[in-house]
Amino acid sequence: MRRRHALATALAGLALAVATGAAAPRPDALDPADPGWAQAPLWDDGKAEVSTYAGTTERYGQIRPTTARIIVVKEDLVRATMVKSDSGPVPGRTVEALKQILVADFPTGIYTYHQTAALFFARGTLAFLKEAMSHTESCGITFVMVRAQGDHLVHEAHSYWEGEADRQVRVPWPAPKRPHVLWDALPLWLRSLPRGDGRGGPLAVWLLPTQVSGRAPLASTRPVAATVRRTPGAAEPLRVRAGEIPAFRYTVESPAGRDTFWLAAAAPHPLVRLATAAGRRLELLKTQRLDYWNHHGLGDERLLE
């Protein structure tokens, strides 16, 4: 039985590499993402992984204190509309998905930035389905929707900035073929990369820039070449506010600069620390399994402390 499972996993990885057009890797290169990570029974316990962070964001040339949460949870989506099914799973009508939500808030003088990005992936393959992003503050509201449509993406933006409002753009993935990744998906996608084999060499990907912003320029609709690396060898002990956590370090280099992600070595490998070229720094405060939708009463916020 174990041999059959190992063979099935290997064939699934091969199929994913073929589907994404990944070229033969260097001997020391990272393997492409393994969708088997999303099949862990953990995601079937009826709860969500809720991770809270504290850190800073650079805005207007100044460092702003920032609070953030990353939530990962299983959901059933209606295939036709890509929204949550009120009826739960319905064969032929719904798709089982993993949802990642980022919520970040930071003050800028007399008003506060509120940023939320929700991304959805087919649980069986980790194929991207949809991203919805909202950015609100006292100047206005920006909303972005990115949807998978066949071999390309559709990017829809509604912004309060001139030249960026009410726009829909077809986003083809460039050639040559290589894994397709969204920057906003990296905290989840990096978790699906195999680890423990000591390899950390480069993995070339096409990367759609982050959508988390009050602006929605055309540049955010254009995938760029990027390189993913993991520090080779064993996990490094990393001291953060949540304590000392063995972690693997990943770097993602693109025209926007170098972004660094530290992921816990222990499954399910949540993000422990983040440092971006754009000036955001986050450290893990706490991660827990929580049915957060049932905790909306006064005082329930203490669960995040």
Protein backbone atom coordinates (compact mmCIF):
# COMPACT_ATOMS: atom_id res chain seq x y z
CA MET A 1 0.00 0.00 0.00
CA ARG A 2 2.82 2.41 0.87
CA ARG A 3 4.54 1.65 -2.44
CA ARG A 4 1.32 2.37 -4.31
CA HIS A 5 0.93 5.67 -2.44
CA ALA A 6 4.54 6.68 -3.18
CA LEU A 7 4.07 5.82 -6.86
CA ALA A 8 0.81 7.76 -7.01
CA THR A 9 2.47 10.78 -5.39
CA ALA A 10 5.38 10.64 -7.81
CA LEU A 11 3.03 10.38 -10.80
CA ALA A 12 0.96 13.29 -9.48
CA GLY A 13 4.10 15.41 -9.20
CA LEU A 14 5.11 14.44 -12.74
CA ALA A 15 1.66 15.33 -14.03
CA LEU A 16 1.84 18.73 -12.30
CA ALA A 17 5.25 19.43 -13.83
CA VAL A 18 3.94 18.52 -17.29
CA ALA A 19 0.79 20.60 -16.80
CA THR A 20 2.82 23.67 -15.86
CA GLY A 21 5.41 23.04 -18.51
CA ALA A 22 8.26 22.92 -16.00
CA ALA A 23 11.62 22.28 -17.62
CA ALA A 24 14.02 19.60 -16.39
CA PRO A 25 15.49 21.03 -13.15
CA ARG A 26 19.13 21.32 -12.18
CA PRO A 27 20.35 18.54 -9.86
CA ASP A 28 20.27 20.93 -6.89
CA ALA A 29 17.05 22.67 -7.91
CA LEU A 30 13.88 22.81 -5.85
CA ASP A 31 11.15 20.45 -6.98
CA PRO A 32 7.89 22.02 -8.21
CA ALA A 33 5.02 22.33 -5.77
CA ASP A 34 3.42 19.10 -4.55
CA PRO A 35 -0.40 19.27 -4.31
CA GLY A 36 -0.30 16.37 -1.84
CA TRP A 37 0.38 18.90 0.93
CA ALA A 38 -3.21 20.10 0.65
CA GLN A 39 -4.58 16.58 1.20
CA ALA A 40 -3.54 16.38 4.86
CA PRO A 41 -6.45 15.35 7.16
CA LEU A 42 -5.73 18.50 9.16
CA TRP A 43 -7.83 20.53 6.73
CA ASP A 44 -10.86 18.30 7.34
CA ASP A 45 -11.23 19.03 11.07
CA GLY A 46 -13.88 21.72 10.58
CA LYS A 47 -11.57 24.50 11.75
CA ALA A 48 -9.23 27.04 10.18
CA GLU A 49 -5.57 27.73 10.71
CA VAL A 50 -5.44 31.25 12.15
CA SER A 51 -2.01 32.86 12.40
CA THR A 52 -1.55 36.33 13.87
CA TYR A 53 1.41 38.61 13.17
CA ALA A 54 2.90 41.89 14.30
CA GLY A 55 5.38 44.00 12.42
CA THR A 56 5.79 47.12 10.32
CA THR A 57 4.97 48.51 6.88
CA GLU A 58 6.85 51.32 5.17
CA ARG A 59 4.46 53.92 3.76
CA TYR A 60 5.10 57.54 2.75
CA GLY A 61 8.73 57.02 3.71
CA GLN A 62 7.91 56.15 7.32
CA ILE A 63 7.67 52.88 9.26
CA ARG A 64 4.12 52.06 10.42
CA PRO A 65 3.17 49.50 13.09
CA THR A 66 1.20 46.70 11.45
CA THR A 67 -1.06 43.91 12.62
CA ALA A 68 -1.90 41.03 10.28
CA ARG A 69 -3.59 37.66 10.12
CA ILE A 70 -3.26 34.82 7.64
CA ILE A 71 -6.11 32.33 7.65
CA VAL A 72 -6.14 29.03 5.75
CA VAL A 73 -9.32 26.97 5.64
CA LYS A 74 -11.07 24.39 3.48
CA GLU A 75 -14.20 25.57 1.67
CA ASP A 76 -16.62 24.25 -0.95
CA LEU A 77 -17.10 26.66 -3.85
CA VAL A 78 -19.89 26.73 -6.43
CA ARG A 79 -18.12 26.04 -9.72
CA ALA A 80 -20.29 28.39 -11.78
CA THR A 81 -19.74 31.46 -9.61
CA MET A 82 -16.69 30.62 -7.47
CA VAL A 83 -18.43 31.64 -4.25
CA LYS A 84 -18.95 29.64 -1.06
CA SER A 85 -21.60 26.95 -1.29
CA ASP A 86 -24.35 27.39 1.32
CA SER A 87 -25.23 23.71 0.83
CA GLY A 88 -21.73 22.36 1.43
CA PRO A 89 -20.27 19.88 -1.05
CA VAL A 90 -22.58 18.94 -3.94
CA PRO A 91 -21.19 16.44 -6.49
CA GLY A 92 -20.83 18.04 -9.90
CA ARG A 93 -21.79 21.49 -8.59
CA THR A 94 -19.00 22.40 -6.18
CA VAL A 95 -15.23 22.21 -5.99
CA GLU A 96 -13.30 21.59 -2.78
CA ALA A 97 -10.90 24.47 -2.25
CA LEU A 98 -8.31 25.81 0.15
CA LYS A 99 -8.79 29.48 0.96
CA GLN A 100 -6.01 31.77 2.17
CA ILE A 101 -6.99 35.15 3.59
CA LEU A 102 -4.56 37.93 4.45
CA VAL A 103 -5.82 40.79 6.62
CA ALA A 104 -3.44 43.68 7.37
CA ASP A 105 -4.04 47.01 9.09
CA PHE A 106 -1.68 49.91 9.73
CA PRO A 107 -2.17 53.60 10.62
CA THR A 108 -1.01 56.48 8.45
CA GLY A 109 -1.44 59.62 10.50
CA ILE A 110 -5.12 60.34 11.10
CA TYR A 111 -6.42 57.45 8.97
CA THR A 112 -5.79 53.71 8.75
CA TYR A 113 -5.13 51.35 5.86
CA HIS A 114 -7.24 48.17 5.78
CA GLN A 115 -6.10 45.48 3.35
CA THR A 116 -7.66 42.07 2.67
CA ALA A 117 -6.79 39.48 0.03
CA ALA A 118 -8.65 36.17 -0.34
CA LEU A 119 -7.19 33.50 -2.63
CA PHE A 120 -8.75 30.17 -3.57
CA PHE A 121 -7.09 26.99 -4.88
CA ALA A 122 -8.51 23.65 -5.97
CA ARG A 123 -7.54 21.36 -3.12
CA GLY A 124 -6.78 18.36 -5.32
CA THR A 125 -4.26 20.11 -7.58
CA LEU A 126 -3.53 23.50 -5.94
CA ALA A 127 -4.63 25.06 -9.22
CA PHE A 128 -5.39 28.75 -8.73
CA LEU A 129 -9.09 29.63 -8.93
CA LYS A 130 -9.63 33.22 -7.79
CA GLU A 131 -8.26 36.18 -5.85
CA ALA A 132 -10.31 39.04 -4.43
CA MET A 133 -8.52 42.05 -2.90
CA SER A 134 -9.91 45.12 -1.18
CA HIS A 135 -7.97 48.14 0.05
CA THR A 136 -9.84 50.77 2.04
CA GLU A 137 -8.79 53.98 3.75
CA SER A 138 -10.01 57.54 4.06
CA CYS A 139 -9.01 58.43 0.50
CA GLY A 140 -11.14 55.73 -1.13
CA ILE A 141 -11.64 52.07 -2.00
CA THR A 142 -9.81 49.82 -4.46
CA PHE A 143 -11.11 46.38 -5.41
CA VAL A 144 -9.35 43.80 -7.60
CA MET A 145 -10.56 40.41 -8.80
CA VAL A 146 -8.27 37.91 -10.55
CA ARG A 147 -9.84 34.76 -12.00
CA ALA A 148 -8.42 31.73 -13.77
CA GLN A 149 -9.98 31.25 -17.19
CA GLY A 150 -8.55 28.41 -19.24
CA ASP A 151 -4.89 29.05 -20.02
CA HIS A 152 -4.93 32.69 -18.87
CA LEU A 153 -6.14 35.00 -16.10
CA VAL A 154 -8.75 37.74 -16.15
CA HIS A 155 -7.84 40.79 -14.06
CA GLU A 156 -10.63 43.15 -13.05
CA ALA A 157 -9.91 46.40 -11.20
CA HIS A 158 -12.10 49.09 -9.67
CA SER A 159 -10.01 51.93 -8.24
CA TYR A 160 -10.51 55.53 -7.22
CA TRP A 161 -7.38 56.53 -9.17
CA GLU A 162 -7.64 58.08 -12.62
CA GLY A 163 -6.70 55.63 -15.36
CA GLU A 164 -7.16 52.60 -13.09
CA ALA A 165 -10.92 52.50 -12.58
CA ASP A 166 -13.38 49.92 -13.94
CA ARG A 167 -10.92 47.99 -16.08
CA GLN A 168 -10.77 44.37 -17.21
CA VAL A 169 -7.60 42.89 -18.70
CA ARG A 170 -6.83 39.47 -20.17
CA VAL A 171 -3.57 38.21 -18.62
CA PRO A 172 -1.72 35.56 -20.66
CA TRP A 173 1.16 33.69 -19.06
CA PRO A 174 4.45 34.31 -20.91
CA ALA A 175 6.67 31.74 -22.58
CA PRO A 176 8.72 29.66 -21.94
CA LYS A 177 6.52 27.44 -19.84
CA ARG A 178 7.29 27.31 -16.13
CA PRO A 179 5.22 27.21 -12.90
CA HIS A 180 2.67 30.00 -12.62
CA VAL A 181 2.55 31.69 -9.20
CA LEU A 182 0.79 34.71 -7.71
CA TRP A 183 2.83 36.77 -5.27
CA ASP A 184 -0.11 36.97 -2.89
CA ALA A 185 -0.28 33.15 -2.87
CA LEU A 186 3.34 32.68 -1.78
CA PRO A 187 2.62 32.08 1.95
CA LEU A 188 0.56 29.05 0.89
CA TRP A 189 2.34 28.00 -2.31
CA LEU A 190 5.79 27.87 -0.68
CA ARG A 191 4.38 25.45 1.90
CA SER A 192 3.75 22.94 -0.88
CA LEU A 193 7.40 22.80 -2.00
CA PRO A 194 9.07 19.53 -0.94
CA ARG A 195 11.65 20.02 1.82
CA GLY A 196 14.08 17.93 3.79
CA ASP A 197 16.16 16.78 0.80
CA GLY A 198 18.83 19.43 1.38
CA ARG A 199 18.28 21.03 -2.00
CA GLY A 200 17.73 24.74 -2.35
CA GLY A 201 18.76 25.56 -5.91
CA PRO A 202 16.75 27.90 -8.12
CA LEU A 203 13.24 27.26 -9.35
CA ALA A 204 12.25 29.62 -12.18
CA VAL A 205 8.61 30.73 -12.14
CA TRP A 206 6.32 33.29 -13.70
CA LEU A 207 5.08 35.58 -10.93
CA LEU A 208 2.01 37.81 -10.98
CA PRO A 209 2.85 40.86 -8.82
CA THR A 210 1.00 41.53 -5.59
CA GLN A 211 -2.49 42.99 -5.84
CA VAL A 212 -2.52 44.24 -2.23
CA SER A 213 -2.41 47.99 -2.77
CA GLY A 214 -4.52 51.10 -3.07
CA ARG A 215 -3.31 51.34 -6.66
CA ALA A 216 -4.13 48.99 -9.54
CA PRO A 217 -1.62 49.88 -12.30
CA LEU A 218 -1.36 47.87 -15.50
CA ALA A 219 2.02 46.64 -14.27
CA SER A 220 0.15 44.56 -11.68
CA THR A 221 -1.45 42.59 -14.54
CA ARG A 222 1.85 41.54 -16.12
CA PRO A 223 3.58 38.36 -14.90
CA VAL A 224 7.34 38.72 -14.44
CA ALA A 225 10.20 36.23 -14.36
CA ALA A 226 11.16 35.30 -10.80
CA THR A 227 13.48 32.85 -9.06
CA VAL A 228 12.64 30.92 -5.90
CA ARG A 229 15.42 29.57 -3.66
CA ARG A 230 15.53 27.81 -0.32
CA THR A 231 18.53 27.97 1.99
CA PRO A 232 19.99 24.45 1.62
CA GLY A 233 20.49 22.11 4.52
CA ALA A 234 18.62 21.77 7.77
CA ALA A 235 16.11 24.22 9.19
CA GLU A 236 17.53 27.16 11.14
CA PRO A 237 16.33 28.06 14.66
CA LEU A 238 14.41 31.30 14.33
CA ARG A 239 13.43 33.40 17.34
CA VAL A 240 10.21 35.34 16.85
CA ARG A 241 7.55 36.63 19.22
CA ALA A 242 5.86 33.22 19.21
CA GLY A 243 9.11 31.66 20.50
CA GLU A 244 12.00 29.78 18.89
CA ILE A 245 10.79 27.92 15.81
CA PRO A 246 12.97 25.85 13.42
CA ALA A 247 12.29 27.30 9.98
CA PHE A 248 13.31 27.09 6.33
CA ARG A 249 14.18 30.33 4.56
CA TYR A 250 12.93 31.00 1.04
CA THR A 251 13.85 33.94 -1.17
CA VAL A 252 11.86 35.13 -4.16
CA GLU A 253 13.75 37.43 -6.51
CA SER A 254 11.93 39.42 -9.18
CA PRO A 255 12.25 42.85 -10.81
CA ALA A 256 10.60 44.30 -7.67
CA GLY A 257 13.47 43.05 -5.49
CA ARG A 258 14.09 40.22 -3.05
CA ASP A 259 11.37 39.00 -0.71
CA THR A 260 12.20 36.55 2.08
CA PHE A 261 9.81 34.07 3.69
CA TRP A 262 10.60 31.88 6.71
CA LEU A 263 8.31 28.85 7.02
CA ALA A 264 8.10 26.52 10.01
CA ALA A 265 9.93 23.24 9.43
CA ALA A 266 7.17 21.32 11.20
CA ALA A 267 3.95 20.57 9.33
CA PRO A 268 1.80 22.30 8.25
CA HIS A 269 4.63 24.86 7.74
CA PRO A 270 2.95 28.22 8.51
CA LEU A 271 4.70 31.48 7.74
CA VAL A 272 6.91 32.50 10.67
CA ARG A 273 8.59 35.66 9.40
CA LEU A 274 8.30 37.87 6.31
CA ALA A 275 10.56 40.60 4.93
CA THR A 276 9.65 42.21 1.60
CA ALA A 277 11.45 44.55 -0.75
CA ALA A 278 8.43 46.86 -0.54
CA GLY A 279 9.06 47.40 3.18
CA ARG A 280 6.77 45.04 5.09
CA ARG A 281 8.11 43.05 8.06
CA LEU A 282 5.97 40.54 9.95
CA GLU A 283 6.67 38.06 12.76
CA LEU A 284 4.43 35.29 14.03
CA LEU A 285 2.67 35.92 17.34
CA LYS A 286 0.46 32.85 17.46
CA THR A 287 -0.95 30.11 15.24
CA GLN A 288 -3.93 27.96 16.18
CA ARG A 289 -6.77 25.81 14.86
CA LEU A 290 -9.95 27.80 15.39
CA ASP A 291 -13.55 27.90 14.10
CA TYR A 292 -13.22 31.66 14.03
CA TRP A 293 -16.63 32.24 12.40
CA ASN A 294 -18.23 31.09 15.67
CA HIS A 295 -16.28 33.61 17.78
CA HIS A 296 -17.78 37.02 17.02
CA GLY A 297 -18.93 38.05 20.48
CA LEU A 298 -17.63 40.85 22.65
CA GLY A 299 -14.37 39.71 24.21
CA ASP A 300 -13.69 36.93 21.70
CA GLU A 301 -10.79 38.97 20.36
CA ARG A 302 -8.77 37.68 23.32
CA LEU A 303 -8.42 34.40 21.40
CA LEU A 304 -5.97 36.15 19.08
CA GLU A 305 -3.72 37.35 21.90
